[in-house]
PDB file of N, CA and C in Angstrom:
ATOM      1  N   MET A   1       2.784  15.238 -19.477  1.00  0.00           N
ATOM      2  CA  MET A   1       3.275  13.946 -19.044  1.00  0.00           C
ATOM      3  C   MET A   1       2.262  12.866 -19.425  1.00  0.00           C
ATOM      4  N   GLU A   2       2.742  11.825 -19.980  1.00  0.00           N
ATOM      5  CA  GLU A   2       1.876  10.725 -20.402  1.00  0.00           C
ATOM      6  C   GLU A   2       1.968   9.586 -19.387  1.00  0.00           C
ATOM      7  N   PHE A   3       0.805   9.135 -18.916  1.00  0.00           N
ATOM      8  CA  PHE A   3       0.759   8.008 -17.993  1.00  0.00           C
ATOM      9  C   PHE A   3       0.662   6.708 -18.775  1.00  0.00           C
ATOM     10  N   LYS A   4       1.497   5.759 -18.411  1.00  0.00           N
ATOM     11  CA  LYS A   4       1.495   4.467 -19.088  1.00  0.00           C
ATOM     12  C   LYS A   4       0.887   3.372 -18.210  1.00  0.00           C
ATOM     13  N   GLY A   5       0.738   3.664 -16.941  1.00  0.00           N
ATOM     14  CA  GLY A   5       0.179   2.679 -16.030  1.00  0.00           C
ATOM     15  C   GLY A   5       0.214   3.173 -14.598  1.00  0.00           C
ATOM     16  N   PHE A   6      -0.243   2.339 -13.704  1.00  0.00           N
ATOM     17  CA  PHE A   6      -0.329   2.732 -12.297  1.00  0.00           C
ATOM     18  C   PHE A   6       1.033   3.028 -11.692  1.00  0.00           C
ATOM     19  N   ARG A   7       2.094   2.423 -12.220  1.00  0.00           N
ATOM     20  CA  ARG A   7       3.433   2.663 -11.674  1.00  0.00           C
ATOM     21  C   ARG A   7       3.905   4.098 -11.882  1.00  0.00           C
ATOM     22  N   ASP A   8       3.267   4.818 -12.791  1.00  0.00           N
ATOM     23  CA  ASP A   8       3.611   6.218 -13.046  1.00  0.00           C
ATOM     24  C   ASP A   8       2.923   7.185 -12.084  1.00  0.00           C
ATOM     25  N   LEU A   9       1.958   6.711 -11.336  1.00  0.00           N
ATOM     26  CA  LEU A   9       1.227   7.572 -10.408  1.00  0.00           C
ATOM     27  C   LEU A   9       2.112   7.926  -9.207  1.00  0.00           C
ATOM     28  N   GLU A  10       2.128   9.204  -8.847  1.00  0.00           N
ATOM     29  CA  GLU A  10       2.925   9.634  -7.697  1.00  0.00           C
ATOM     30  C   GLU A  10       2.476   8.942  -6.408  1.00  0.00           C
ATOM     31  N   CYS A  11       1.176   8.756  -6.257  1.00  0.00           N
ATOM     32  CA  CYS A  11       0.675   8.104  -5.043  1.00  0.00           C
ATOM     33  C   CYS A  11       1.167   6.659  -4.960  1.00  0.00           C
ATOM     34  N   TYR A  12       1.281   5.990  -6.109  1.00  0.00           N
ATOM     35  CA  TYR A  12       1.800   4.616  -6.123  1.00  0.00           C
ATOM     36  C   TYR A  12       3.278   4.615  -5.726  1.00  0.00           C
ATOM     37  N   LYS A  13       4.033   5.560  -6.264  1.00  0.00           N
ATOM     38  CA  LYS A  13       5.467   5.642  -5.946  1.00  0.00           C
ATOM     39  C   LYS A  13       5.664   5.884  -4.452  1.00  0.00           C
ATOM     40  N   LYS A  14       4.855   6.779  -3.874  1.00  0.00           N
ATOM     41  CA  LYS A  14       4.955   7.062  -2.437  1.00  0.00           C
ATOM     42  C   LYS A  14       4.519   5.852  -1.611  1.00  0.00           C
ATOM     43  N   GLY A  15       3.493   5.143  -2.072  1.00  0.00           N
ATOM     44  CA  GLY A  15       3.054   3.932  -1.391  1.00  0.00           C
ATOM     45  C   GLY A  15       4.129   2.860  -1.399  1.00  0.00           C
ATOM     46  N   ARG A  16       4.853   2.789  -2.509  1.00  0.00           N
ATOM     47  CA  ARG A  16       5.947   1.819  -2.615  1.00  0.00           C
ATOM     48  C   ARG A  16       7.085   2.192  -1.659  1.00  0.00           C
ATOM     49  N   GLU A  17       7.378   3.487  -1.561  1.00  0.00           N
ATOM     50  CA  GLU A  17       8.392   3.945  -0.603  1.00  0.00           C
ATOM     51  C   GLU A  17       7.991   3.578   0.830  1.00  0.00           C
ATOM     52  N   LEU A  18       6.707   3.767   1.147  1.00  0.00           N
ATOM     53  CA  LEU A  18       6.202   3.400   2.473  1.00  0.00           C
ATOM     54  C   LEU A  18       6.396   1.910   2.721  1.00  0.00           C
ATOM     55  N   ARG A  19       6.025   1.097   1.736  1.00  0.00           N
ATOM     56  CA  ARG A  19       6.160  -0.360   1.867  1.00  0.00           C
ATOM     57  C   ARG A  19       7.613  -0.763   2.107  1.00  0.00           C
ATOM     58  N   MET A  20       8.534  -0.169   1.365  1.00  0.00           N
ATOM     59  CA  MET A  20       9.951  -0.512   1.535  1.00  0.00           C
ATOM     60  C   MET A  20      10.480  -0.038   2.892  1.00  0.00           C
ATOM     61  N   PHE A  21      10.026   1.145   3.336  1.00  0.00           N
ATOM     62  CA  PHE A  21      10.428   1.643   4.649  1.00  0.00           C
ATOM     63  C   PHE A  21       9.930   0.715   5.756  1.00  0.00           C
ATOM     64  N   VAL A  22       8.678   0.320   5.660  1.00  0.00           N
ATOM     65  CA  VAL A  22       8.094  -0.579   6.664  1.00  0.00           C
ATOM     66  C   VAL A  22       8.851  -1.910   6.688  1.00  0.00           C
ATOM     67  N   SER A  23       9.179  -2.437   5.516  1.00  0.00           N
ATOM     68  CA  SER A  23       9.915  -3.709   5.440  1.00  0.00           C
ATOM     69  C   SER A  23      11.256  -3.618   6.156  1.00  0.00           C
ATOM     70  N   THR A  24      11.871  -2.457   6.101  1.00  0.00           N
ATOM     71  CA  THR A  24      13.157  -2.253   6.775  1.00  0.00           C
ATOM     72  C   THR A  24      12.980  -2.070   8.273  1.00  0.00           C
ATOM     73  N   ILE A  25      12.024  -1.247   8.653  1.00  0.00           N
ATOM     74  CA  ILE A  25      11.868  -0.884  10.065  1.00  0.00           C
ATOM     75  C   ILE A  25      11.368  -2.048  10.928  1.00  0.00           C
ATOM     76  N   VAL A  26      10.539  -2.928  10.370  1.00  0.00           N
ATOM     77  CA  VAL A  26      10.015  -4.026  11.194  1.00  0.00           C
ATOM     78  C   VAL A  26      11.100  -5.024  11.592  1.00  0.00           C
ATOM     79  N   LYS A  27      12.221  -4.982  10.895  1.00  0.00           N
ATOM     80  CA  LYS A  27      13.332  -5.872  11.255  1.00  0.00           C
ATOM     81  C   LYS A  27      13.934  -5.503  12.603  1.00  0.00           C
ATOM     82  N   THR A  28      13.645  -4.297  13.065  1.00  0.00           N
ATOM     83  CA  THR A  28      14.164  -3.847  14.360  1.00  0.00           C
ATOM     84  C   THR A  28      13.197  -4.142  15.512  1.00  0.00           C
ATOM     85  N   PHE A  29      12.014  -4.633  15.197  1.00  0.00           N
ATOM     86  CA  PHE A  29      11.011  -4.927  16.227  1.00  0.00           C
ATOM     87  C   PHE A  29      11.413  -6.180  17.012  1.00  0.00           C
ATOM     88  N   PRO A  30      10.936  -6.307  18.230  1.00  0.00           N
ATOM     89  CA  PRO A  30      11.241  -7.502  19.032  1.00  0.00           C
ATOM     90  C   PRO A  30      10.692  -8.774  18.377  1.00  0.00           C
ATOM     91  N   ALA A  31      11.389  -9.848  18.578  1.00  0.00           N
ATOM     92  CA  ALA A  31      10.984 -11.136  17.997  1.00  0.00           C
ATOM     93  C   ALA A  31       9.586 -11.553  18.457  1.00  0.00           C
ATOM     94  N   THR A  32       9.183 -11.119  19.632  1.00  0.00           N
ATOM     95  CA  THR A  32       7.857 -11.477  20.151  1.00  0.00           C
ATOM     96  C   THR A  32       6.723 -10.888  19.312  1.00  0.00           C
ATOM     97  N   GLU A  33       7.024  -9.890  18.516  1.00  0.00           N
ATOM     98  CA  GLU A  33       6.007  -9.253  17.673  1.00  0.00           C
ATOM     99  C   GLU A  33       5.963  -9.819  16.252  1.00  0.00           C
ATOM    100  N   LYS A  34       6.807 -10.776  15.965  1.00  0.00           N
ATOM    101  CA  LYS A  34       6.930 -11.301  14.595  1.00  0.00           C
ATOM    102  C   LYS A  34       5.606 -11.750  13.992  1.00  0.00           C
ATOM    103  N   TYR A  35       4.791 -12.434  14.749  1.00  0.00           N
ATOM    104  CA  TYR A  35       3.544 -12.975  14.204  1.00  0.00           C
ATOM    105  C   TYR A  35       2.316 -12.138  14.544  1.00  0.00           C
ATOM    106  N   MET A  36       2.526 -11.013  15.174  1.00  0.00           N
ATOM    107  CA  MET A  36       1.388 -10.170  15.522  1.00  0.00           C
ATOM    108  C   MET A  36       1.528  -8.802  14.860  1.00  0.00           C
ATOM    109  N   LEU A  37       2.200  -7.900  15.506  1.00  0.00           N
ATOM    110  CA  LEU A  37       2.326  -6.533  15.009  1.00  0.00           C
ATOM    111  C   LEU A  37       3.073  -6.469  13.673  1.00  0.00           C
ATOM    112  N   VAL A  38       4.199  -7.138  13.569  1.00  0.00           N
ATOM    113  CA  VAL A  38       4.997  -7.117  12.333  1.00  0.00           C
ATOM    114  C   VAL A  38       4.179  -7.642  11.162  1.00  0.00           C
ATOM    115  N   SER A  39       3.511  -8.744  11.356  1.00  0.00           N
ATOM    116  CA  SER A  39       2.695  -9.335  10.291  1.00  0.00           C
ATOM    117  C   SER A  39       1.606  -8.383   9.825  1.00  0.00           C
ATOM    118  N   GLN A  40       0.928  -7.749  10.766  1.00  0.00           N
ATOM    119  CA  GLN A  40      -0.167  -6.838  10.430  1.00  0.00           C
ATOM    120  C   GLN A  40       0.329  -5.586   9.712  1.00  0.00           C
ATOM    121  N   ILE A  41       1.439  -5.027  10.171  1.00  0.00           N
ATOM    122  CA  ILE A  41       1.986  -3.828   9.535  1.00  0.00           C
ATOM    123  C   ILE A  41       2.463  -4.137   8.120  1.00  0.00           C
ATOM    124  N   LEU A  42       3.106  -5.286   7.940  1.00  0.00           N
ATOM    125  CA  LEU A  42       3.559  -5.664   6.594  1.00  0.00           C
ATOM    126  C   LEU A  42       2.374  -5.849   5.640  1.00  0.00           C
ATOM    127  N   LYS A  43       1.343  -6.519   6.117  1.00  0.00           N
ATOM    128  CA  LYS A  43       0.164  -6.744   5.271  1.00  0.00           C
ATOM    129  C   LYS A  43      -0.514  -5.436   4.883  1.00  0.00           C
ATOM    130  N   SER A  44      -0.682  -4.545   5.850  1.00  0.00           N
ATOM    131  CA  SER A  44      -1.362  -3.281   5.545  1.00  0.00           C
ATOM    132  C   SER A  44      -0.523  -2.407   4.615  1.00  0.00           C
ATOM    133  N   SER A  45       0.792  -2.418   4.770  1.00  0.00           N
ATOM    134  CA  SER A  45       1.639  -1.602   3.888  1.00  0.00           C
ATOM    135  C   SER A  45       1.648  -2.165   2.467  1.00  0.00           C
ATOM    136  N   ARG A  46       1.578  -3.460   2.330  1.00  0.00           N
ATOM    137  CA  ARG A  46       1.516  -4.075   0.997  1.00  0.00           C
ATOM    138  C   ARG A  46       0.160  -3.840   0.342  1.00  0.00           C
ATOM    139  N   SER A  47      -0.851  -3.727   1.154  1.00  0.00           N
ATOM    140  CA  SER A  47      -2.203  -3.503   0.655  1.00  0.00           C
ATOM    141  C   SER A  47      -2.351  -2.133  -0.014  1.00  0.00           C
ATOM    142  N   VAL A  48      -1.541  -1.168   0.401  1.00  0.00           N
ATOM    143  CA  VAL A  48      -1.609   0.185  -0.157  1.00  0.00           C
ATOM    144  C   VAL A  48      -1.407   0.134  -1.670  1.00  0.00           C
ATOM    145  N   THR A  49      -0.281  -0.405  -2.102  1.00  0.00           N
ATOM    146  CA  THR A  49       0.020  -0.438  -3.536  1.00  0.00           C
ATOM    147  C   THR A  49      -0.802  -1.499  -4.272  1.00  0.00           C
ATOM    148  N   ALA A  50      -1.126  -2.577  -3.595  1.00  0.00           N
ATOM    149  CA  ALA A  50      -1.924  -3.621  -4.243  1.00  0.00           C
ATOM    150  C   ALA A  50      -3.302  -3.087  -4.628  1.00  0.00           C
ATOM    151  N   ASN A  51      -3.925  -2.325  -3.741  1.00  0.00           N
ATOM    152  CA  ASN A  51      -5.241  -1.758  -4.040  1.00  0.00           C
ATOM    153  C   ASN A  51      -5.162  -0.676  -5.114  1.00  0.00           C
ATOM    154  N   MET A  52      -4.095   0.097  -5.131  1.00  0.00           N
ATOM    155  CA  MET A  52      -3.929   1.086  -6.194  1.00  0.00           C
ATOM    156  C   MET A  52      -3.821   0.405  -7.550  1.00  0.00           C
ATOM    157  N   ALA A  53      -3.031  -0.647  -7.610  1.00  0.00           N
ATOM    158  CA  ALA A  53      -2.858  -1.365  -8.874  1.00  0.00           C
ATOM    159  C   ALA A  53      -4.174  -1.989  -9.330  1.00  0.00           C
ATOM    160  N   GLU A  54      -4.887  -2.614  -8.412  1.00  0.00           N
ATOM    161  CA  GLU A  54      -6.158  -3.236  -8.782  1.00  0.00           C
ATOM    162  C   GLU A  54      -7.189  -2.188  -9.188  1.00  0.00           C
ATOM    163  N   GLY A  55      -7.250  -1.101  -8.462  1.00  0.00           N
ATOM    164  CA  GLY A  55      -8.193  -0.044  -8.795  1.00  0.00           C
ATOM    165  C   GLY A  55      -7.908   0.588 -10.145  1.00  0.00           C
ATOM    166  N   TYR A  56      -6.634   0.749 -10.454  1.00  0.00           N
ATOM    167  CA  TYR A  56      -6.244   1.342 -11.731  1.00  0.00           C
ATOM    168  C   TYR A  56      -6.704   0.475 -12.906  1.00  0.00           C
ATOM    169  N   GLY A  57      -6.786  -0.816 -12.684  1.00  0.00           N
ATOM    170  CA  GLY A  57      -7.183  -1.734 -13.743  1.00  0.00           C
ATOM    171  C   GLY A  57      -8.684  -1.879 -13.920  1.00  0.00           C
ATOM    172  N   ARG A  58      -9.472  -1.210 -13.106  1.00  0.00           N
ATOM    173  CA  ARG A  58     -10.928  -1.289 -13.215  1.00  0.00           C
ATOM    174  C   ARG A  58     -11.431  -0.411 -14.346  1.00  0.00           C
ATOM    175  N   PHE A  59     -12.625  -0.716 -14.823  1.00  0.00           N
ATOM    176  CA  PHE A  59     -13.161  -0.040 -15.998  1.00  0.00           C
ATOM    177  C   PHE A  59     -14.022   1.184 -15.699  1.00  0.00           C
ATOM    178  N   THR A  60     -14.440   1.331 -14.463  1.00  0.00           N
ATOM    179  CA  THR A  60     -15.292   2.471 -14.140  1.00  0.00           C
ATOM    180  C   THR A  60     -14.626   3.338 -13.082  1.00  0.00           C
ATOM    181  N   TYR A  61     -14.946   4.598 -13.131  1.00  0.00           N
ATOM    182  CA  TYR A  61     -14.422   5.552 -12.158  1.00  0.00           C
ATOM    183  C   TYR A  61     -14.820   5.146 -10.743  1.00  0.00           C
ATOM    184  N   THR A  62     -16.047   4.699 -10.583  1.00  0.00           N
ATOM    185  CA  THR A  62     -16.556   4.318  -9.255  1.00  0.00           C
ATOM    186  C   THR A  62     -15.748   3.169  -8.667  1.00  0.00           C
ATOM    187  N   ASP A  63     -15.461   2.151  -9.476  1.00  0.00           N
ATOM    188  CA  ASP A  63     -14.641   1.029  -8.999  1.00  0.00           C
ATOM    189  C   ASP A  63     -13.226   1.483  -8.649  1.00  0.00           C
ATOM    190  N   THR A  64     -12.649   2.281  -9.534  1.00  0.00           N
ATOM    191  CA  THR A  64     -11.288   2.778  -9.298  1.00  0.00           C
ATOM    192  C   THR A  64     -11.233   3.573  -8.006  1.00  0.00           C
ATOM    193  N   ARG A  65     -12.179   4.456  -7.842  1.00  0.00           N
ATOM    194  CA  ARG A  65     -12.253   5.303  -6.647  1.00  0.00           C
ATOM    195  C   ARG A  65     -12.361   4.458  -5.378  1.00  0.00           C
ATOM    196  N   SER A  66     -13.179   3.426  -5.423  1.00  0.00           N
ATOM    197  CA  SER A  66     -13.368   2.563  -4.250  1.00  0.00           C
ATOM    198  C   SER A  66     -12.056   1.918  -3.812  1.00  0.00           C
ATOM    199  N   PHE A  67     -11.278   1.442  -4.780  1.00  0.00           N
ATOM    200  CA  PHE A  67     -10.007   0.800  -4.441  1.00  0.00           C
ATOM    201  C   PHE A  67      -9.003   1.806  -3.890  1.00  0.00           C
ATOM    202  N   PHE A  68      -9.038   3.035  -4.405  1.00  0.00           N
ATOM    203  CA  PHE A  68      -8.135   4.047  -3.884  1.00  0.00           C
ATOM    204  C   PHE A  68      -8.542   4.472  -2.477  1.00  0.00           C
ATOM    205  N   ILE A  69      -9.812   4.434  -2.170  1.00  0.00           N
ATOM    206  CA  ILE A  69     -10.277   4.717  -0.810  1.00  0.00           C
ATOM    207  C   ILE A  69      -9.806   3.620   0.144  1.00  0.00           C
ATOM    208  N   VAL A  70      -9.885   2.369  -0.285  1.00  0.00           N
ATOM    209  CA  VAL A  70      -9.388   1.250   0.529  1.00  0.00           C
ATOM    210  C   VAL A  70      -7.885   1.406   0.753  1.00  0.00           C
ATOM    211  N   SER A  71      -7.183   1.829  -0.287  1.00  0.00           N
ATOM    212  CA  SER A  71      -5.741   2.050  -0.191  1.00  0.00           C
ATOM    213  C   SER A  71      -5.428   3.115   0.864  1.00  0.00           C
ATOM    214  N   ARG A  72      -6.199   4.186   0.863  1.00  0.00           N
ATOM    215  CA  ARG A  72      -6.008   5.243   1.864  1.00  0.00           C
ATOM    216  C   ARG A  72      -6.237   4.688   3.269  1.00  0.00           C
ATOM    217  N   GLY A  73      -7.215   3.810   3.420  1.00  0.00           N
ATOM    218  CA  GLY A  73      -7.457   3.165   4.706  1.00  0.00           C
ATOM    219  C   GLY A  73      -6.280   2.311   5.145  1.00  0.00           C
ATOM    220  N   SER A  74      -5.650   1.645   4.190  1.00  0.00           N
ATOM    221  CA  SER A  74      -4.484   0.817   4.501  1.00  0.00           C
ATOM    222  C   SER A  74      -3.307   1.675   4.964  1.00  0.00           C
ATOM    223  N   ILE A  75      -3.188   2.877   4.397  1.00  0.00           N
ATOM    224  CA  ILE A  75      -2.141   3.792   4.853  1.00  0.00           C
ATOM    225  C   ILE A  75      -2.390   4.159   6.316  1.00  0.00           C
ATOM    226  N   SER A  76      -3.623   4.474   6.649  1.00  0.00           N
ATOM    227  CA  SER A  76      -3.964   4.805   8.039  1.00  0.00           C
ATOM    228  C   SER A  76      -3.690   3.633   8.974  1.00  0.00           C
ATOM    229  N   GLU A  77      -4.043   2.446   8.517  1.00  0.00           N
ATOM    230  CA  GLU A  77      -3.795   1.246   9.331  1.00  0.00           C
ATOM    231  C   GLU A  77      -2.306   1.040   9.574  1.00  0.00           C
ATOM    232  N   THR A  78      -1.509   1.255   8.544  1.00  0.00           N
ATOM    233  CA  THR A  78      -0.062   1.096   8.672  1.00  0.00           C
ATOM    234  C   THR A  78       0.516   2.106   9.662  1.00  0.00           C
ATOM    235  N   LEU A  79       0.042   3.333   9.561  1.00  0.00           N
ATOM    236  CA  LEU A  79       0.547   4.364  10.497  1.00  0.00           C
ATOM    237  C   LEU A  79       0.139   4.040  11.921  1.00  0.00           C
TER     238      LEU A  79
END
């Protein structure tokens, strides 16, 4: 299998699924949480794929690894 970019990574695809699931589920939360819990969960779920994409574009393994570690932290935060 040939990789053409970060969108081909299985972890990116799963992160995108998480982001879309979160976007759907937060619509069921109470309106009182709109600017607190909902906002934080949306930001952390978006951070998962954003950090993967940024890390993939780095030139060194160390930089790439660091961004993927941050991405893993964002997954934990979202959960």
